[in-house]
Amino acid sequence: MEKQDDENLPKKSLFTVYEVAEYFSVTERTIHLWIEHGHLRSEKIVGSKRVPRESILQCRFNSAHTSRE
C-alpha cells in the first residue's frame, strides 16, 4: 500500500488544534469534535492537545475516498 503525503502539510510530527483547523479550513471546535468522534487521534502534551501528522493524513485521504450516498 502506497504511503500518502501532502506537500501543503509542514514536515513535523505533531500539530496544534489551531494548525489542524487551518489545514482543513474549519474551526477549532470542528477539530475538537473530530477528535471526540474518533476521526482524528490526539495526544495530550503539557496540558494541550496535539494531533499526529499520520492522523491528519489518514483523515484527509480517508475522507477524500469516501463516497456519500
C-alpha atoms as a PDB file:
ATOM      1  CA  MET A   1       0.000   0.000   0.000  1.00  0.00           C
ATOM      2  CA  GLU A   2       1.379   3.389  -1.038  1.00  0.00           C
ATOM      3  CA  LYS A   3       2.046   5.875   1.755  1.00  0.00           C
ATOM      4  CA  GLN A   4       0.230   9.140   1.034  1.00  0.00           C
ATOM      5  CA  ASP A   5       1.553  12.586   1.853  1.00  0.00           C
ATOM      6  CA  ASP A   6       0.595  16.205   1.278  1.00  0.00           C
ATOM      7  CA  GLU A   7       3.139  18.854   0.344  1.00  0.00           C
ATOM      8  CA  ASN A   8       0.886  21.524   1.937  1.00  0.00           C
ATOM      9  CA  LEU A   9       1.294  19.956   5.373  1.00  0.00           C
ATOM     10  CA  PRO A  10       4.551  21.022   7.102  1.00  0.00           C
ATOM     11  CA  LYS A  11       7.061  18.245   7.745  1.00  0.00           C
ATOM     12  CA  LYS A  12       6.649  17.849  11.502  1.00  0.00           C
ATOM     13  CA  SER A  13       5.200  15.101  13.659  1.00  0.00           C
ATOM     14  CA  LEU A  14       2.686  16.916  15.912  1.00  0.00           C
ATOM     15  CA  PHE A  15       0.285  19.793  15.211  1.00  0.00           C
ATOM     16  CA  THR A  16      -1.815  22.058  17.419  1.00  0.00           C
ATOM     17  CA  VAL A  17      -5.592  22.048  17.081  1.00  0.00           C
ATOM     18  CA  TYR A  18      -5.293  25.537  15.564  1.00  0.00           C
ATOM     19  CA  GLU A  19      -2.853  24.310  12.893  1.00  0.00           C
ATOM     20  CA  VAL A  20      -5.092  21.368  12.010  1.00  0.00           C
ATOM     21  CA  ALA A  21      -8.114  23.660  11.763  1.00  0.00           C
ATOM     22  CA  GLU A  22      -6.171  25.940   9.403  1.00  0.00           C
ATOM     23  CA  TYR A  23      -5.085  22.960   7.290  1.00  0.00           C
ATOM     24  CA  PHE A  24      -8.664  21.676   6.882  1.00  0.00           C
ATOM     25  CA  SER A  25     -10.165  25.219   6.676  1.00  0.00           C
ATOM     26  CA  VAL A  26     -12.539  24.528   9.558  1.00  0.00           C
ATOM     27  CA  THR A  27     -12.944  25.894  13.088  1.00  0.00           C
ATOM     28  CA  GLU A  28     -11.007  24.659  16.092  1.00  0.00           C
ATOM     29  CA  ARG A  29     -14.323  23.444  17.517  1.00  0.00           C
ATOM     30  CA  THR A  30     -14.742  21.198  14.488  1.00  0.00           C
ATOM     31  CA  ILE A  31     -11.308  19.669  15.111  1.00  0.00           C
ATOM     32  CA  HIS A  32     -12.241  19.044  18.760  1.00  0.00           C
ATOM     33  CA  LEU A  33     -15.415  17.302  17.559  1.00  0.00           C
ATOM     34  CA  TRP A  34     -13.453  15.199  15.065  1.00  0.00           C
ATOM     35  CA  ILE A  35     -11.166  14.146  17.925  1.00  0.00           C
ATOM     36  CA  GLU A  36     -14.140  13.347  20.202  1.00  0.00           C
ATOM     37  CA  HIS A  37     -15.784  11.275  17.442  1.00  0.00           C
ATOM     38  CA  GLY A  38     -12.599   9.385  16.593  1.00  0.00           C
ATOM     39  CA  HIS A  39     -11.917  10.907  13.165  1.00  0.00           C
ATOM     40  CA  LEU A  40      -8.576  12.256  14.426  1.00  0.00           C
ATOM     41  CA  ARG A  41      -6.253  10.982  17.148  1.00  0.00           C
ATOM     42  CA  SER A  42      -4.657  13.362  19.606  1.00  0.00           C
ATOM     43  CA  GLU A  43      -2.041  13.307  22.334  1.00  0.00           C
ATOM     44  CA  LYS A  44      -2.003  15.483  25.417  1.00  0.00           C
ATOM     45  CA  ILE A  45       1.309  17.309  25.708  1.00  0.00           C
ATOM     46  CA  VAL A  46       1.790  19.662  28.678  1.00  0.00           C
ATOM     47  CA  GLY A  47      -1.956  20.192  29.015  1.00  0.00           C
ATOM     48  CA  SER A  48      -2.819  20.818  25.365  1.00  0.00           C
ATOM     49  CA  LYS A  49      -3.859  18.523  22.532  1.00  0.00           C
ATOM     50  CA  ARG A  50      -1.521  17.710  19.660  1.00  0.00           C
ATOM     51  CA  VAL A  51      -2.578  15.818  16.559  1.00  0.00           C
ATOM     52  CA  PRO A  52      -0.072  13.425  14.956  1.00  0.00           C
ATOM     53  CA  ARG A  53       0.770  14.024  11.283  1.00  0.00           C
ATOM     54  CA  GLU A  54      -0.246  10.445  10.379  1.00  0.00           C
ATOM     55  CA  SER A  55      -3.719  11.015  11.824  1.00  0.00           C
ATOM     56  CA  ILE A  56      -4.179  14.198   9.768  1.00  0.00           C
ATOM     57  CA  LEU A  57      -3.141  12.458   6.556  1.00  0.00           C
ATOM     58  CA  GLN A  58      -5.284   9.429   7.312  1.00  0.00           C
ATOM     59  CA  CYS A  59      -8.313  11.633   7.959  1.00  0.00           C
ATOM     60  CA  ARG A  60      -7.703  13.648   4.788  1.00  0.00           C
ATOM     61  CA  PHE A  61      -7.183  10.720   2.453  1.00  0.00           C
ATOM     62  CA  ASN A  62      -9.932   8.562   4.001  1.00  0.00           C
ATOM     63  CA  SER A  63     -12.476  11.370   3.620  1.00  0.00           C
ATOM     64  CA  ALA A  64     -11.296  12.028   0.034  1.00  0.00           C
ATOM     65  CA  HIS A  65     -12.121   8.431  -0.903  1.00  0.00           C
ATOM     66  CA  THR A  66     -15.396   8.143   0.994  1.00  0.00           C
ATOM     67  CA  SER A  67     -18.462   8.255  -1.200  1.00  0.00           C
ATOM     68  CA  ARG A  68     -21.628   9.861   0.045  1.00  0.00           C
ATOM     69  CA  GLU A  69     -24.817   8.009  -0.752  1.00  0.00           C
END
